[in-house]
Amino acid sequence: MLPSRDGVGPSWVGLTPGPWPRLIDFLLARFPAVSQAQWTARIERGDVLDERGHRVSAGQAYRPHGRLCYYRSRPPEPRIADDEVVLFEDELLVVADKPHFLPVTPAGRYLQETLLVRLRRRLGLDSLVPLHRIDRETAGLVLFAKQVATRKHYHALFAQRQVAKTYQAIAAWQPQHAFPLTRANVMKTGSLFMQMREQDESDAEPSAPNAVTTVAWLETRAPWARYELRPLTGQRHQLRVHMAALGMPILGDRIYPTLAAEGTDDAANPLRLLAQQIEFLDPVTGQVRRFESQRRLDFPLPADTV
């Protein structure tokens, strides 16, 4: 495995058969948004390597059926959100308490300003990988594996739904519901980018539920209430979709029920969703692991507009 640089691991691309005489010709065809001058500079800096970690040259002959790795090049990123907090670390795991608006892993325009890269740089751990994800807008607990040899056991826990996750959310108080309640249905990709949806009458055939959430009431400060959410499955945006469908969209949600314009984050009005607790039987040590976030969701002040 090739090392990360400043906390960011390399990206890989397969060298497929094609008409390109030189390596740089392939790169220009594969990544048309990157200019020849940019690729040449990156190659000269040693940011492009073959699969054995050896430097390449722009003019070398193209040979298919291998792999190429490259380190992404991005301009400096503005600082996002507050600092993460490392709640726990041992020889196997790192447990971080993530702030709102910080992505867990690099994607799109986010690279350095992600929880994974921050932690790799802070702890000096190239092998660190997240065991699960939470939304960029969601705050709270994220677990990371430190060892390559044991991470598969923890991944299996999440895949087999053997991890108990508890969230808290602030949303409108809806006394007509009898709490605790369970929302169980089929979730599918929505018609709008970024959105998921529940299956409805327009779908051809009903399917067995793939999304199940229990919702309990904790306290009320009218017109808002604090709820405890326990997802029994792990569909994308599951908690946000279920709360919106119950007539209780989570305070600060910019995706459900209405998708807001990109780039409209509001630090004064974040998504009031917190990954508050996580518990599981450790498959390596055999001990019960239980972690709780130190963060707390605040109710809006009476004068706030939301």
C-alpha atoms as a PDB file:
ATOM      1  CA  MET A   1       0.000   0.000   0.000  1.00  0.00           C
ATOM      2  CA  LEU A   2       1.420   3.369  -0.988  1.00  0.00           C
ATOM      3  CA  PRO A   3       1.658   5.982   1.761  1.00  0.00           C
ATOM      4  CA  SER A   4      -0.575   9.011   2.103  1.00  0.00           C
ATOM      5  CA  ARG A   5       0.753  12.519   1.653  1.00  0.00           C
ATOM      6  CA  ASP A   6      -0.352  15.083   4.183  1.00  0.00           C
ATOM      7  CA  GLY A   7      -3.077  12.678   5.230  1.00  0.00           C
ATOM      8  CA  VAL A   8      -4.437  12.049   1.709  1.00  0.00           C
ATOM      9  CA  GLY A   9      -4.036   8.641   0.123  1.00  0.00           C
ATOM     10  CA  PRO A  10      -3.399   8.120  -3.587  1.00  0.00           C
ATOM     11  CA  SER A  11      -6.094   7.571  -6.197  1.00  0.00           C
ATOM     12  CA  TRP A  12      -5.830   4.722  -8.690  1.00  0.00           C
ATOM     13  CA  VAL A  13      -6.746   4.382 -12.353  1.00  0.00           C
ATOM     14  CA  GLY A  14      -6.633   1.252 -14.513  1.00  0.00           C
ATOM     15  CA  LEU A  15      -4.613   1.343 -17.722  1.00  0.00           C
ATOM     16  CA  THR A  16      -7.143   0.059 -20.228  1.00  0.00           C
ATOM     17  CA  PRO A  17      -6.301  -0.932 -23.803  1.00  0.00           C
ATOM     18  CA  GLY A  18      -6.446   2.003 -26.190  1.00  0.00           C
ATOM     19  CA  PRO A  19      -4.748   3.984 -28.967  1.00  0.00           C
ATOM     20  CA  TRP A  20      -2.537   6.212 -26.795  1.00  0.00           C
ATOM     21  CA  PRO A  21       1.166   6.190 -27.742  1.00  0.00           C
ATOM     22  CA  ARG A  22       2.366   7.857 -24.542  1.00  0.00           C
ATOM     23  CA  LEU A  23       1.310   7.743 -20.920  1.00  0.00           C
ATOM     24  CA  ILE A  24       0.431  11.428 -20.910  1.00  0.00           C
ATOM     25  CA  ASP A  25      -1.864  10.914 -23.909  1.00  0.00           C
ATOM     26  CA  PHE A  26      -3.872   8.427 -21.834  1.00  0.00           C
ATOM     27  CA  LEU A  27      -4.053  10.826 -18.877  1.00  0.00           C
ATOM     28  CA  LEU A  28      -5.288  13.662 -21.072  1.00  0.00           C
ATOM     29  CA  ALA A  29      -8.007  11.440 -22.538  1.00  0.00           C
ATOM     30  CA  ARG A  30      -8.995   9.970 -19.174  1.00  0.00           C
ATOM     31  CA  PHE A  31      -9.033  13.318 -17.321  1.00  0.00           C
ATOM     32  CA  PRO A  32      -9.869  16.007 -19.911  1.00  0.00           C
ATOM     33  CA  ALA A  33     -10.381  18.688 -17.254  1.00  0.00           C
ATOM     34  CA  VAL A  34      -6.651  18.552 -16.378  1.00  0.00           C
ATOM     35  CA  SER A  35      -4.320  20.249 -18.869  1.00  0.00           C
ATOM     36  CA  GLN A  36      -1.129  18.804 -20.303  1.00  0.00           C
ATOM     37  CA  ALA A  37       0.912  21.414 -18.421  1.00  0.00           C
ATOM     38  CA  GLN A  38      -0.738  20.384 -15.145  1.00  0.00           C
ATOM     39  CA  TRP A  39      -0.103  16.688 -15.732  1.00  0.00           C
ATOM     40  CA  THR A  40       3.505  17.368 -16.726  1.00  0.00           C
ATOM     41  CA  ALA A  41       4.074  19.380 -13.550  1.00  0.00           C
ATOM     42  CA  ARG A  42       2.502  16.688 -11.374  1.00  0.00           C
ATOM     43  CA  ILE A  43       4.587  13.961 -13.009  1.00  0.00           C
ATOM     44  CA  GLU A  44       7.757  15.991 -12.522  1.00  0.00           C
ATOM     45  CA  ARG A  45       6.878  16.480  -8.834  1.00  0.00           C
ATOM     46  CA  GLY A  46       6.530  12.728  -8.398  1.00  0.00           C
ATOM     47  CA  ASP A  47       2.783  12.874  -7.870  1.00  0.00           C
ATOM     48  CA  VAL A  48       2.140  10.140 -10.475  1.00  0.00           C
ATOM     49  CA  LEU A  49       3.519   6.646  -9.856  1.00  0.00           C
ATOM     50  CA  ASP A  50       3.161   3.157 -11.257  1.00  0.00           C
ATOM     51  CA  GLU A  51       1.543   0.433  -9.157  1.00  0.00           C
ATOM     52  CA  ARG A  52       4.906  -0.481  -7.594  1.00  0.00           C
ATOM     53  CA  GLY A  53       5.398   3.095  -6.440  1.00  0.00           C
ATOM     54  CA  HIS A  54       7.976   4.044  -9.060  1.00  0.00           C
ATOM     55  CA  ARG A  55       7.982   7.466 -10.691  1.00  0.00           C
ATOM     56  CA  VAL A  56       6.863   7.717 -14.325  1.00  0.00           C
ATOM     57  CA  SER A  57       7.685  10.156 -17.106  1.00  0.00           C
ATOM     58  CA  ALA A  58       5.273  12.044 -19.337  1.00  0.00           C
ATOM     59  CA  GLY A  59       6.784  10.758 -22.543  1.00  0.00           C
ATOM     60  CA  GLN A  60       7.123   7.095 -21.662  1.00  0.00           C
ATOM     61  CA  ALA A  61       5.315   4.567 -23.827  1.00  0.00           C
ATOM     62  CA  TYR A  62       1.796   3.643 -22.795  1.00  0.00           C
ATOM     63  CA  ARG A  63       1.426   0.025 -21.688  1.00  0.00           C
ATOM     64  CA  PRO A  64      -2.095  -1.207 -20.850  1.00  0.00           C
ATOM     65  CA  HIS A  65      -3.283  -3.742 -18.268  1.00  0.00           C
ATOM     66  CA  GLY A  66      -1.613  -2.163 -15.275  1.00  0.00           C
ATOM     67  CA  ARG A  67      -2.545   0.527 -12.793  1.00  0.00           C
ATOM     68  CA  LEU A  68      -1.382   4.045 -12.172  1.00  0.00           C
ATOM     69  CA  CYS A  69      -1.637   5.992  -8.930  1.00  0.00           C
ATOM     70  CA  TYR A  70      -1.748   9.748  -8.586  1.00  0.00           C
ATOM     71  CA  TYR A  71      -1.947  12.152  -5.682  1.00  0.00           C
ATOM     72  CA  ARG A  72      -4.695  14.692  -6.099  1.00  0.00           C
ATOM     73  CA  SER A  73      -3.771  18.320  -6.435  1.00  0.00           C
ATOM     74  CA  ARG A  74      -6.151  20.948  -5.095  1.00  0.00           C
ATOM     75  CA  PRO A  75      -5.815  24.582  -4.069  1.00  0.00           C
ATOM     76  CA  PRO A  76      -5.827  25.357  -0.339  1.00  0.00           C
ATOM     77  CA  GLU A  77      -9.234  24.720   1.213  1.00  0.00           C
ATOM     78  CA  PRO A  78     -10.912  27.081   3.670  1.00  0.00           C
ATOM     79  CA  ARG A  79     -11.203  25.766   7.202  1.00  0.00           C
ATOM     80  CA  ILE A  80     -14.507  23.941   7.753  1.00  0.00           C
ATOM     81  CA  ALA A  81     -16.383  23.914  11.025  1.00  0.00           C
ATOM     82  CA  ASP A  82     -14.960  23.340  14.480  1.00  0.00           C
ATOM     83  CA  ASP A  83     -12.241  20.935  15.507  1.00  0.00           C
ATOM     84  CA  GLU A  84     -13.028  17.260  15.827  1.00  0.00           C
ATOM     85  CA  VAL A  85     -12.524  15.669  19.252  1.00  0.00           C
ATOM     86  CA  VAL A  86     -10.810  12.309  19.705  1.00  0.00           C
ATOM     87  CA  LEU A  87     -12.874  10.644  22.430  1.00  0.00           C
ATOM     88  CA  PHE A  88     -11.034   7.325  22.522  1.00  0.00           C
ATOM     89  CA  GLU A  89      -7.983   5.629  21.048  1.00  0.00           C
ATOM     90  CA  ASP A  90      -6.359   2.258  21.636  1.00  0.00           C
ATOM     91  CA  GLU A  91      -4.339  -0.127  19.486  1.00  0.00           C
ATOM     92  CA  LEU A  92      -7.450  -1.062  17.452  1.00  0.00           C
ATOM     93  CA  LEU A  93      -9.842   1.883  17.230  1.00  0.00           C
ATOM     94  CA  VAL A  94     -10.164   5.646  17.145  1.00  0.00           C
ATOM     95  CA  VAL A  95     -13.485   7.233  18.080  1.00  0.00           C
ATOM     96  CA  ALA A  96     -13.980  10.825  16.920  1.00  0.00           C
ATOM     97  CA  ASP A  97     -16.693  13.348  17.749  1.00  0.00           C
ATOM     98  CA  LYS A  98     -17.355  15.155  14.463  1.00  0.00           C
ATOM     99  CA  PRO A  99     -18.668  18.724  14.156  1.00  0.00           C
ATOM    100  CA  HIS A 100     -21.453  19.721  11.777  1.00  0.00           C
ATOM    101  CA  PHE A 101     -20.498  20.409   8.128  1.00  0.00           C
ATOM    102  CA  LEU A 102     -17.249  18.386   8.159  1.00  0.00           C
ATOM    103  CA  PRO A 103     -17.262  15.491   5.637  1.00  0.00           C
ATOM    104  CA  VAL A 104     -16.017  12.120   6.875  1.00  0.00           C
ATOM    105  CA  THR A 105     -14.005  11.227   3.753  1.00  0.00           C
ATOM    106  CA  PRO A 106     -12.653  13.084   0.710  1.00  0.00           C
ATOM    107  CA  ALA A 107     -15.191  13.603  -2.065  1.00  0.00           C
ATOM    108  CA  GLY A 108     -15.915  16.312  -4.610  1.00  0.00           C
ATOM    109  CA  ARG A 109     -14.513  19.636  -3.489  1.00  0.00           C
ATOM    110  CA  TYR A 110     -13.566  18.332  -0.033  1.00  0.00           C
ATOM    111  CA  LEU A 111     -10.111  16.826   0.423  1.00  0.00           C
ATOM    112  CA  GLN A 112      -7.957  18.203   3.239  1.00  0.00           C
ATOM    113  CA  GLU A 113     -10.973  19.475   5.148  1.00  0.00           C
ATOM    114  CA  THR A 114     -12.385  16.055   5.945  1.00  0.00           C
ATOM    115  CA  LEU A 115     -12.435  14.115   9.193  1.00  0.00           C
ATOM    116  CA  LEU A 116     -10.327  11.252   7.834  1.00  0.00           C
ATOM    117  CA  VAL A 117      -7.538  13.476   6.523  1.00  0.00           C
ATOM    118  CA  ARG A 118      -7.509  15.643   9.642  1.00  0.00           C
ATOM    119  CA  LEU A 119      -7.151  12.550  11.841  1.00  0.00           C
ATOM    120  CA  ARG A 120      -4.475  10.934   9.680  1.00  0.00           C
ATOM    121  CA  ARG A 121      -2.408  14.089   9.878  1.00  0.00           C
ATOM    122  CA  ARG A 122      -3.080  14.646  13.579  1.00  0.00           C
ATOM    123  CA  LEU A 123      -2.387  11.058  14.670  1.00  0.00           C
ATOM    124  CA  GLY A 124       0.195  10.107  12.034  1.00  0.00           C
ATOM    125  CA  LEU A 125      -1.809   7.035  10.982  1.00  0.00           C
ATOM    126  CA  ASP A 126      -1.792   6.252   7.260  1.00  0.00           C
ATOM    127  CA  SER A 127      -3.747   3.039   7.820  1.00  0.00           C
ATOM    128  CA  LEU A 128      -6.710   4.778   9.495  1.00  0.00           C
ATOM    129  CA  VAL A 129     -10.043   4.047   7.759  1.00  0.00           C
ATOM    130  CA  PRO A 130     -13.637   4.863   8.770  1.00  0.00           C
ATOM    131  CA  LEU A 131     -15.842   1.922   9.686  1.00  0.00           C
ATOM    132  CA  HIS A 132     -19.080   3.742   8.787  1.00  0.00           C
ATOM    133  CA  ARG A 133     -20.286   7.138   7.566  1.00  0.00           C
ATOM    134  CA  ILE A 134     -22.517   9.914   8.786  1.00  0.00           C
ATOM    135  CA  ASP A 135     -23.717  12.834   6.665  1.00  0.00           C
ATOM    136  CA  ARG A 136     -21.548  15.919   6.312  1.00  0.00           C
ATOM    137  CA  GLU A 137     -24.263  17.964   8.029  1.00  0.00           C
ATOM    138  CA  THR A 138     -24.642  15.501  10.935  1.00  0.00           C
ATOM    139  CA  ALA A 139     -22.491  15.837  14.053  1.00  0.00           C
ATOM    140  CA  GLY A 140     -21.349  13.110  16.396  1.00  0.00           C
ATOM    141  CA  LEU A 141     -19.590   9.774  16.603  1.00  0.00           C
ATOM    142  CA  VAL A 142     -17.521   8.172  13.850  1.00  0.00           C
ATOM    143  CA  LEU A 143     -15.447   5.035  14.413  1.00  0.00           C
ATOM    144  CA  PHE A 144     -12.141   4.344  12.665  1.00  0.00           C
ATOM    145  CA  ALA A 145     -10.038   1.178  12.458  1.00  0.00           C
ATOM    146  CA  LYS A 146      -6.281   1.498  12.940  1.00  0.00           C
ATOM    147  CA  GLN A 147      -5.062  -1.949  11.862  1.00  0.00           C
ATOM    148  CA  VAL A 148      -5.277  -3.433   8.386  1.00  0.00           C
ATOM    149  CA  ALA A 149      -5.347  -6.959   9.840  1.00  0.00           C
ATOM    150  CA  THR A 150      -8.391  -6.440  12.088  1.00  0.00           C
ATOM    151  CA  ARG A 151     -10.530  -3.857  10.279  1.00  0.00           C
ATOM    152  CA  LYS A 152     -12.483  -6.532   8.382  1.00  0.00           C
ATOM    153  CA  HIS A 153     -13.970  -7.795  11.664  1.00  0.00           C
ATOM    154  CA  TYR A 154     -15.354  -4.350  12.482  1.00  0.00           C
ATOM    155  CA  HIS A 155     -16.636  -3.814   8.949  1.00  0.00           C
ATOM    156  CA  ALA A 156     -18.517  -7.102   9.313  1.00  0.00           C
ATOM    157  CA  LEU A 157     -20.222  -5.824  12.476  1.00  0.00           C
ATOM    158  CA  PHE A 158     -21.715  -2.892  10.604  1.00  0.00           C
ATOM    159  CA  ALA A 159     -22.604  -4.985   7.553  1.00  0.00           C
ATOM    160  CA  GLN A 160     -24.415  -7.518   9.753  1.00  0.00           C
ATOM    161  CA  ARG A 161     -26.242  -4.784  11.745  1.00  0.00           C
ATOM    162  CA  GLN A 162     -24.654  -5.805  15.031  1.00  0.00           C
ATOM    163  CA  VAL A 163     -23.951  -2.212  16.067  1.00  0.00           C
ATOM    164  CA  ALA A 164     -26.561  -0.333  18.123  1.00  0.00           C
ATOM    165  CA  LYS A 165     -26.631   3.330  17.046  1.00  0.00           C
ATOM    166  CA  THR A 166     -28.594   6.050  18.814  1.00  0.00           C
ATOM    167  CA  TYR A 167     -29.170   9.532  17.424  1.00  0.00           C
ATOM    168  CA  GLN A 168     -30.827  12.633  18.771  1.00  0.00           C
ATOM    169  CA  ALA A 169     -32.718  15.167  16.675  1.00  0.00           C
ATOM    170  CA  ILE A 170     -34.637  18.376  17.200  1.00  0.00           C
ATOM    171  CA  ALA A 171     -37.794  18.773  15.145  1.00  0.00           C
ATOM    172  CA  ALA A 172     -41.320  20.119  15.435  1.00  0.00           C
ATOM    173  CA  TRP A 173     -43.366  18.755  18.328  1.00  0.00           C
ATOM    174  CA  GLN A 174     -46.148  16.593  16.935  1.00  0.00           C
ATOM    175  CA  PRO A 175     -48.303  15.385  19.866  1.00  0.00           C
ATOM    176  CA  GLN A 176     -50.669  13.493  17.567  1.00  0.00           C
ATOM    177  CA  HIS A 177     -48.084  10.714  17.274  1.00  0.00           C
ATOM    178  CA  ALA A 178     -47.997   7.988  19.908  1.00  0.00           C
ATOM    179  CA  PHE A 179     -44.365   7.633  20.929  1.00  0.00           C
ATOM    180  CA  PRO A 180     -42.356   5.507  20.758  1.00  0.00           C
ATOM    181  CA  LEU A 181     -43.188   4.596  17.170  1.00  0.00           C
ATOM    182  CA  THR A 182     -41.545   2.619  14.372  1.00  0.00           C
ATOM    183  CA  ARG A 183     -41.295   3.724  10.747  1.00  0.00           C
ATOM    184  CA  ALA A 184     -40.694   0.802   8.369  1.00  0.00           C
ATOM    185  CA  ASN A 185     -40.863   1.030   4.583  1.00  0.00           C
ATOM    186  CA  VAL A 186     -38.912   0.861   1.352  1.00  0.00           C
ATOM    187  CA  MET A 187     -36.530   3.696   0.546  1.00  0.00           C
ATOM    188  CA  LYS A 188     -35.446   4.431  -3.010  1.00  0.00           C
ATOM    189  CA  THR A 189     -33.462   7.011  -4.931  1.00  0.00           C
ATOM    190  CA  GLY A 190     -35.561  10.125  -5.499  1.00  0.00           C
ATOM    191  CA  SER A 191     -36.106  12.039  -8.702  1.00  0.00           C
ATOM    192  CA  LEU A 192     -34.016  14.985  -7.478  1.00  0.00           C
ATOM    193  CA  PHE A 193     -30.269  14.875  -7.040  1.00  0.00           C
ATOM    194  CA  MET A 194     -29.262  14.137  -3.431  1.00  0.00           C
ATOM    195  CA  GLN A 195     -32.730  13.088  -2.312  1.00  0.00           C
ATOM    196  CA  MET A 196     -34.048   9.690  -1.270  1.00  0.00           C
ATOM    197  CA  ARG A 197     -37.751   8.870  -0.995  1.00  0.00           C
ATOM    198  CA  GLU A 198     -40.150   6.369   0.477  1.00  0.00           C
ATOM    199  CA  GLN A 199     -41.924   3.922  -1.804  1.00  0.00           C
ATOM    200  CA  ASP A 200     -45.455   5.072  -2.646  1.00  0.00           C
ATOM    201  CA  GLU A 201     -48.455   4.056  -4.754  1.00  0.00           C
ATOM    202  CA  SER A 202     -46.683   5.081  -7.967  1.00  0.00           C
ATOM    203  CA  ASP A 203     -44.226   2.196  -7.604  1.00  0.00           C
ATOM    204  CA  ALA A 204     -45.130  -0.867  -9.646  1.00  0.00           C
ATOM    205  CA  GLU A 205     -44.800  -3.477  -6.927  1.00  0.00           C
ATOM    206  CA  PRO A 206     -44.474  -3.272  -3.139  1.00  0.00           C
ATOM    207  CA  SER A 207     -41.277  -4.613  -1.615  1.00  0.00           C
ATOM    208  CA  ALA A 208     -40.215  -5.735   1.841  1.00  0.00           C
ATOM    209  CA  PRO A 209     -39.093  -2.808   4.030  1.00  0.00           C
ATOM    210  CA  ASN A 210     -35.414  -1.937   3.747  1.00  0.00           C
ATOM    211  CA  ALA A 211     -35.514   1.038   6.132  1.00  0.00           C
ATOM    212  CA  VAL A 212     -36.617   0.785   9.770  1.00  0.00           C
ATOM    213  CA  THR A 213     -36.325   3.514  12.418  1.00  0.00           C
ATOM    214  CA  THR A 214     -37.714   3.771  15.934  1.00  0.00           C
ATOM    215  CA  VAL A 215     -38.535   7.277  17.192  1.00  0.00           C
ATOM    216  CA  ALA A 216     -38.971   8.175  20.864  1.00  0.00           C
ATOM    217  CA  TRP A 217     -39.832  11.509  22.478  1.00  0.00           C
ATOM    218  CA  LEU A 218     -37.351  12.928  25.024  1.00  0.00           C
ATOM    219  CA  GLU A 219     -38.446  16.489  25.847  1.00  0.00           C
ATOM    220  CA  THR A 220     -40.501  19.389  24.512  1.00  0.00           C
ATOM    221  CA  ARG A 221     -39.756  23.093  24.295  1.00  0.00           C
ATOM    222  CA  ALA A 222     -42.669  24.165  22.169  1.00  0.00           C
ATOM    223  CA  PRO A 223     -42.858  24.378  19.250  1.00  0.00           C
ATOM    224  CA  TRP A 224     -39.827  22.046  19.169  1.00  0.00           C
ATOM    225  CA  ALA A 225     -39.038  18.675  20.704  1.00  0.00           C
ATOM    226  CA  ARG A 226     -35.981  16.504  21.197  1.00  0.00           C
ATOM    227  CA  TYR A 227     -36.304  12.972  19.810  1.00  0.00           C
ATOM    228  CA  GLU A 228     -34.260   9.812  20.121  1.00  0.00           C
ATOM    229  CA  LEU A 229     -33.805   7.942  16.838  1.00  0.00           C
ATOM    230  CA  ARG A 230     -32.611   4.366  16.526  1.00  0.00           C
ATOM    231  CA  PRO A 231     -31.977   3.182  12.964  1.00  0.00           C
ATOM    232  CA  LEU A 232     -32.265  -0.591  12.638  1.00  0.00           C
ATOM    233  CA  THR A 233     -31.076  -0.376   9.032  1.00  0.00           C
ATOM    234  CA  GLY A 234     -28.599   1.874   7.288  1.00  0.00           C
ATOM    235  CA  GLN A 235     -30.165   3.448   4.211  1.00  0.00           C
ATOM    236  CA  ARG A 236     -28.773   6.738   2.965  1.00  0.00           C
ATOM    237  CA  HIS A 237     -30.515   9.724   4.629  1.00  0.00           C
ATOM    238  CA  GLN A 238     -32.832   7.267   6.395  1.00  0.00           C
ATOM    239  CA  LEU A 239     -33.406   9.333   9.541  1.00  0.00           C
ATOM    240  CA  ARG A 240     -33.957  12.546   7.619  1.00  0.00           C
ATOM    241  CA  VAL A 241     -36.437  10.926   5.231  1.00  0.00           C
ATOM    242  CA  HIS A 242     -38.401   9.211   7.994  1.00  0.00           C
ATOM    243  CA  MET A 243     -38.648  12.312  10.151  1.00  0.00           C
ATOM    244  CA  ALA A 244     -39.806  14.435   7.213  1.00  0.00           C
ATOM    245  CA  ALA A 245     -42.400  11.809   6.279  1.00  0.00           C
ATOM    246  CA  LEU A 246     -43.773  11.928   9.833  1.00  0.00           C
ATOM    247  CA  GLY A 247     -44.308  15.668   9.477  1.00  0.00           C
ATOM    248  CA  MET A 248     -41.262  16.379  11.648  1.00  0.00           C
ATOM    249  CA  PRO A 249     -38.420  17.416   9.327  1.00  0.00           C
ATOM    250  CA  ILE A 250     -35.257  17.835  11.355  1.00  0.00           C
ATOM    251  CA  LEU A 251     -34.510  21.436  12.197  1.00  0.00           C
ATOM    252  CA  GLY A 252     -31.939  22.909   9.813  1.00  0.00           C
ATOM    253  CA  ASP A 253     -32.420  20.209   7.136  1.00  0.00           C
ATOM    254  CA  ARG A 254     -31.626  21.613   3.696  1.00  0.00           C
ATOM    255  CA  ILE A 255     -32.502  18.456   1.785  1.00  0.00           C
ATOM    256  CA  TYR A 256     -35.832  17.268   3.240  1.00  0.00           C
ATOM    257  CA  PRO A 257     -38.554  18.003   2.527  1.00  0.00           C
ATOM    258  CA  THR A 258     -37.199  20.701   0.164  1.00  0.00           C
ATOM    259  CA  LEU A 259     -33.777  20.652  -1.469  1.00  0.00           C
ATOM    260  CA  ALA A 260     -31.985  23.956  -0.894  1.00  0.00           C
ATOM    261  CA  ALA A 261     -29.397  25.434  -3.224  1.00  0.00           C
ATOM    262  CA  GLU A 262     -25.867  24.104  -2.909  1.00  0.00           C
ATOM    263  CA  GLY A 263     -23.534  26.164  -0.766  1.00  0.00           C
ATOM    264  CA  THR A 264     -26.219  27.445   1.613  1.00  0.00           C
ATOM    265  CA  ASP A 265     -24.723  26.064   4.842  1.00  0.00           C
ATOM    266  CA  ASP A 266     -25.666  28.187   7.830  1.00  0.00           C
ATOM    267  CA  ALA A 267     -23.434  27.756  10.878  1.00  0.00           C
ATOM    268  CA  ALA A 268     -26.108  29.430  13.008  1.00  0.00           C
ATOM    269  CA  ASN A 269     -28.722  26.884  11.917  1.00  0.00           C
ATOM    270  CA  PRO A 270     -27.067  23.479  11.401  1.00  0.00           C
ATOM    271  CA  LEU A 271     -28.916  20.232  10.898  1.00  0.00           C
ATOM    272  CA  ARG A 272     -30.032  19.282  14.424  1.00  0.00           C
ATOM    273  CA  LEU A 273     -29.025  15.643  14.079  1.00  0.00           C
ATOM    274  CA  LEU A 274     -26.423  14.063  16.358  1.00  0.00           C
ATOM    275  CA  ALA A 275     -24.899  10.576  16.280  1.00  0.00           C
ATOM    276  CA  GLN A 276     -25.091  10.420  20.050  1.00  0.00           C
ATOM    277  CA  GLN A 277     -24.205   6.872  21.088  1.00  0.00           C
ATOM    278  CA  ILE A 278     -22.806   3.661  19.626  1.00  0.00           C
ATOM    279  CA  GLU A 279     -22.507   0.234  21.265  1.00  0.00           C
ATOM    280  CA  PHE A 280     -21.282  -3.177  20.108  1.00  0.00           C
ATOM    281  CA  LEU A 281     -19.524  -6.350  21.195  1.00  0.00           C
ATOM    282  CA  ASP A 282     -15.931  -6.013  20.044  1.00  0.00           C
ATOM    283  CA  PRO A 283     -15.157  -8.939  17.692  1.00  0.00           C
ATOM    284  CA  VAL A 284     -11.426  -8.783  18.487  1.00  0.00           C
ATOM    285  CA  THR A 285     -11.315  -8.225  22.273  1.00  0.00           C
ATOM    286  CA  GLY A 286     -14.714  -9.680  23.224  1.00  0.00           C
ATOM    287  CA  GLN A 287     -15.558  -6.660  25.390  1.00  0.00           C
ATOM    288  CA  VAL A 288     -18.645  -4.465  25.183  1.00  0.00           C
ATOM    289  CA  ARG A 289     -17.745  -1.111  23.629  1.00  0.00           C
ATOM    290  CA  ARG A 290     -19.975   1.882  24.327  1.00  0.00           C
ATOM    291  CA  PHE A 291     -19.204   5.453  23.320  1.00  0.00           C
ATOM    292  CA  GLU A 292     -21.156   8.690  23.745  1.00  0.00           C
ATOM    293  CA  SER A 293     -20.790  12.046  22.022  1.00  0.00           C
ATOM    294  CA  GLN A 294     -19.845  15.060  24.112  1.00  0.00           C
ATOM    295  CA  ARG A 295     -21.845  17.324  21.815  1.00  0.00           C
ATOM    296  CA  ARG A 296     -25.381  18.489  22.494  1.00  0.00           C
ATOM    297  CA  LEU A 297     -28.060  19.796  20.182  1.00  0.00           C
ATOM    298  CA  ASP A 298     -29.361  23.205  21.183  1.00  0.00           C
ATOM    299  CA  PHE A 299     -32.957  24.290  20.847  1.00  0.00           C
ATOM    300  CA  PRO A 300     -33.382  27.553  18.936  1.00  0.00           C
ATOM    301  CA  LEU A 301     -33.950  30.627  21.021  1.00  0.00           C
ATOM    302  CA  PRO A 302     -37.521  31.990  20.935  1.00  0.00           C
ATOM    303  CA  ALA A 303     -36.401  34.958  18.841  1.00  0.00           C
ATOM    304  CA  ASP A 304     -34.571  32.817  16.275  1.00  0.00           C
ATOM    305  CA  THR A 305     -35.966  32.577  12.774  1.00  0.00           C
ATOM    306  CA  VAL A 306     -35.478  29.211  11.148  1.00  0.00           C
END
